[in-house]
C-alpha atoms as a PDB file:
ATOM      1  CA  MET A   1     -58.089  31.764  49.689  1.00  0.00           C
ATOM      2  CA  GLU A   2     -55.717  33.102  47.073  1.00  0.00           C
ATOM      3  CA  ASN A   3     -55.784  31.773  43.526  1.00  0.00           C
ATOM      4  CA  ILE A   4     -53.086  29.224  42.869  1.00  0.00           C
ATOM      5  CA  PHE A   5     -52.050  29.480  39.263  1.00  0.00           C
ATOM      6  CA  PHE A   6     -50.411  26.559  37.492  1.00  0.00           C
ATOM      7  CA  GLN A   7     -46.999  25.809  38.902  1.00  0.00           C
ATOM      8  CA  THR A   8     -44.712  22.912  39.540  1.00  0.00           C
ATOM      9  CA  ILE A   9     -42.926  22.031  42.759  1.00  0.00           C
ATOM     10  CA  ASP A  10     -39.386  20.728  42.486  1.00  0.00           C
ATOM     11  CA  TRP A  11     -39.020  19.031  45.865  1.00  0.00           C
ATOM     12  CA  THR A  12     -35.227  18.865  45.417  1.00  0.00           C
ATOM     13  CA  GLU A  13     -35.216  22.655  45.838  1.00  0.00           C
ATOM     14  CA  ILE A  14     -37.402  22.785  48.979  1.00  0.00           C
ATOM     15  CA  GLU A  15     -35.589  23.027  52.323  1.00  0.00           C
ATOM     16  CA  LYS A  16     -35.690  19.935  54.539  1.00  0.00           C
ATOM     17  CA  ILE A  17     -36.537  20.509  58.203  1.00  0.00           C
ATOM     18  CA  ILE A  18     -36.005  17.723  60.756  1.00  0.00           C
ATOM     19  CA  TYR A  19     -38.460  17.219  63.630  1.00  0.00           C
ATOM     20  CA  ASN A  20     -37.702  14.713  66.372  1.00  0.00           C
ATOM     21  CA  GLY A  21     -40.411  12.270  67.356  1.00  0.00           C
ATOM     22  CA  GLU A  22     -40.800  10.353  70.584  1.00  0.00           C
ATOM     23  CA  THR A  23     -38.356   8.065  68.781  1.00  0.00           C
ATOM     24  CA  GLY A  24     -36.878   8.588  65.327  1.00  0.00           C
ATOM     25  CA  PHE A  25     -37.466  11.729  63.284  1.00  0.00           C
ATOM     26  CA  ALA A  26     -39.558  13.269  60.522  1.00  0.00           C
ATOM     27  CA  ILE A  27     -38.218  15.293  57.606  1.00  0.00           C
ATOM     28  CA  TRP A  28     -40.618  17.935  56.268  1.00  0.00           C
ATOM     29  CA  GLN A  29     -40.463  19.858  53.030  1.00  0.00           C
ATOM     30  CA  THR A  30     -43.230  22.453  52.938  1.00  0.00           C
ATOM     31  CA  LYS A  31     -44.848  24.589  50.255  1.00  0.00           C
ATOM     32  CA  GLN A  32     -47.179  27.075  51.973  1.00  0.00           C
ATOM     33  CA  PHE A  33     -49.967  28.914  50.202  1.00  0.00           C
ATOM     34  CA  ASP A  34     -52.516  31.237  51.835  1.00  0.00           C
ATOM     35  CA  ASP A  35     -54.762  28.634  53.571  1.00  0.00           C
ATOM     36  CA  LEU A  36     -53.184  25.538  52.022  1.00  0.00           C
ATOM     37  CA  ARG A  37     -50.070  23.613  53.035  1.00  0.00           C
ATOM     38  CA  VAL A  38     -48.506  20.913  50.839  1.00  0.00           C
ATOM     39  CA  ARG A  39     -45.753  18.798  52.386  1.00  0.00           C
ATOM     40  CA  MET A  40     -43.467  15.968  51.417  1.00  0.00           C
ATOM     41  CA  VAL A  41     -42.782  14.145  54.684  1.00  0.00           C
ATOM     42  CA  GLU A  42     -40.495  11.222  55.447  1.00  0.00           C
ATOM     43  CA  TYR A  43     -40.531   9.286  58.707  1.00  0.00           C
ATOM     44  CA  SER A  44     -37.372   7.441  59.707  1.00  0.00           C
ATOM     45  CA  ALA A  45     -37.368   3.786  60.635  1.00  0.00           C
ATOM     46  CA  GLY A  46     -38.465   3.542  64.268  1.00  0.00           C
ATOM     47  CA  TYR A  47     -40.432   6.804  64.160  1.00  0.00           C
ATOM     48  CA  ILE A  48     -43.161   7.399  66.737  1.00  0.00           C
ATOM     49  CA  ALA A  49     -44.861  10.815  66.765  1.00  0.00           C
ATOM     50  CA  ASP A  50     -44.482  12.701  70.031  1.00  0.00           C
ATOM     51  CA  HIS A  51     -48.081  13.978  70.121  1.00  0.00           C
ATOM     52  CA  TRP A  52     -51.698  13.283  69.161  1.00  0.00           C
ATOM     53  CA  CYS A  53     -52.481  15.400  66.113  1.00  0.00           C
ATOM     54  CA  LYS A  54     -55.926  17.017  65.876  1.00  0.00           C
ATOM     55  CA  LYS A  55     -55.273  18.691  62.508  1.00  0.00           C
ATOM     56  CA  GLY A  56     -57.106  17.593  59.382  1.00  0.00           C
ATOM     57  CA  HIS A  57     -55.074  16.130  56.516  1.00  0.00           C
ATOM     58  CA  ILE A  58     -55.172  14.323  53.234  1.00  0.00           C
ATOM     59  CA  VAL A  59     -52.270  11.854  53.454  1.00  0.00           C
ATOM     60  CA  GLN A  60     -51.021   9.842  50.471  1.00  0.00           C
ATOM     61  CA  CYS A  61     -48.501   7.079  51.174  1.00  0.00           C
ATOM     62  CA  LEU A  62     -45.896   7.232  48.393  1.00  0.00           C
ATOM     63  CA  GLU A  63     -43.336   4.699  49.640  1.00  0.00           C
ATOM     64  CA  GLY A  64     -43.148   2.254  52.531  1.00  0.00           C
ATOM     65  CA  GLU A  65     -45.824   1.887  55.176  1.00  0.00           C
ATOM     66  CA  PHE A  66     -46.826   3.297  58.536  1.00  0.00           C
ATOM     67  CA  GLU A  67     -49.438   2.857  61.218  1.00  0.00           C
ATOM     68  CA  SER A  68     -51.947   5.575  61.947  1.00  0.00           C
ATOM     69  CA  GLN A  69     -53.247   5.155  65.491  1.00  0.00           C
ATOM     70  CA  LEU A  70     -56.386   6.949  66.591  1.00  0.00           C
ATOM     71  CA  GLU A  71     -56.760   8.189  70.142  1.00  0.00           C
ATOM     72  CA  ASN A  72     -59.941   6.081  70.437  1.00  0.00           C
ATOM     73  CA  GLY A  73     -57.823   2.910  70.135  1.00  0.00           C
ATOM     74  CA  LYS A  74     -58.390   2.107  66.451  1.00  0.00           C
ATOM     75  CA  SER A  75     -55.355   1.583  64.241  1.00  0.00           C
ATOM     76  CA  PHE A  76     -54.818   1.481  60.468  1.00  0.00           C
ATOM     77  CA  ILE A  77     -51.851   0.234  58.454  1.00  0.00           C
ATOM     78  CA  MET A  78     -51.233   2.569  55.525  1.00  0.00           C
ATOM     79  CA  LYS A  79     -49.248   1.169  52.593  1.00  0.00           C
ATOM     80  CA  LYS A  80     -47.919   2.586  49.342  1.00  0.00           C
ATOM     81  CA  GLY A  81     -50.826   3.767  47.209  1.00  0.00           C
ATOM     82  CA  MET A  82     -53.226   4.288  50.144  1.00  0.00           C
ATOM     83  CA  THR A  83     -54.744   7.588  51.291  1.00  0.00           C
ATOM     84  CA  TYR A  84     -56.492   8.739  54.431  1.00  0.00           C
ATOM     85  CA  ILE A  85     -58.585  11.859  54.947  1.00  0.00           C
ATOM     86  CA  VAL A  86     -59.642  13.465  58.239  1.00  0.00           C
ATOM     87  CA  SER A  87     -61.093  16.876  59.193  1.00  0.00           C
ATOM     88  CA  ASP A  88     -59.721  19.147  61.915  1.00  0.00           C
ATOM     89  CA  ASP A  89     -60.704  18.023  65.423  1.00  0.00           C
ATOM     90  CA  ALA A  90     -62.536  14.929  64.082  1.00  0.00           C
ATOM     91  CA  SER A  91     -60.133  12.104  65.038  1.00  0.00           C
ATOM     92  CA  SER A  92     -56.905  12.664  66.960  1.00  0.00           C
ATOM     93  CA  HIS A  93     -54.191  10.533  65.374  1.00  0.00           C
ATOM     94  CA  LYS A  94     -50.543   9.554  65.786  1.00  0.00           C
ATOM     95  CA  SER A  95     -48.125   8.107  63.214  1.00  0.00           C
ATOM     96  CA  ILE A  96     -45.728   5.208  63.770  1.00  0.00           C
ATOM     97  CA  SER A  97     -43.290   3.832  61.207  1.00  0.00           C
ATOM     98  CA  LYS A  98     -41.235   0.720  61.847  1.00  0.00           C
ATOM     99  CA  THR A  99     -39.358   0.758  58.520  1.00  0.00           C
ATOM    100  CA  GLY A 100     -39.644   4.360  57.256  1.00  0.00           C
ATOM    101  CA  VAL A 101     -42.161   5.949  54.905  1.00  0.00           C
ATOM    102  CA  LYS A 102     -42.560   8.810  52.425  1.00  0.00           C
ATOM    103  CA  LEU A 103     -45.842  10.762  52.389  1.00  0.00           C
ATOM    104  CA  LEU A 104     -47.508  13.611  50.536  1.00  0.00           C
ATOM    105  CA  ILE A 105     -49.632  15.554  53.039  1.00  0.00           C
ATOM    106  CA  ILE A 106     -52.115  18.295  52.177  1.00  0.00           C
ATOM    107  CA  ASP A 107     -53.944  20.330  54.782  1.00  0.00           C
ATOM    108  CA  GLY A 108     -55.607  23.675  55.170  1.00  0.00           C
ATOM    109  CA  ALA A 109     -58.727  25.636  56.027  1.00  0.00           C
ATOM    110  CA  PHE A 110     -60.876  23.488  53.711  1.00  0.00           C
ATOM    111  CA  LEU A 111     -60.612  20.666  56.291  1.00  0.00           C
ATOM    112  CA  LYS A 112     -62.130  22.619  59.166  1.00  0.00           C
ATOM    113  CA  ASN A 113     -64.719  20.606  61.045  1.00  0.00           C
ATOM    114  CA  GLU A 114     -68.064  22.368  60.608  1.00  0.00           C
ATOM    115  CA  ASN A 115     -69.151  21.214  64.089  1.00  0.00           C
ATOM    116  CA  THR A 116     -66.386  23.263  65.708  1.00  0.00           C
ATOM    117  CA  LEU A 117     -67.154  26.595  64.006  1.00  0.00           C
END
């Protein structure tokens, strides 16, 4: 992994990319480093992800709330100030937001599941 020297990210200057969900949409702003991705993500009201995600993340809920469903049937309501952490291939998950939410999401090679190497 490359060294990341001190820097700031002005999210107002990062391009917004829209991804459609099963319903609603997500807006991603992405800062990519070598093996590290930092994203500001907003889900619209009525958003349901269109896939089960197997990627590892650290997700911080900044505004609003959303539901994180696991493929095994468990479900968690994430509210402002809450964080979840999951490794790659450890727990497939899907996001749902009834009212809209703003998240900071960090992922990268450091979240690889050691059991899958």
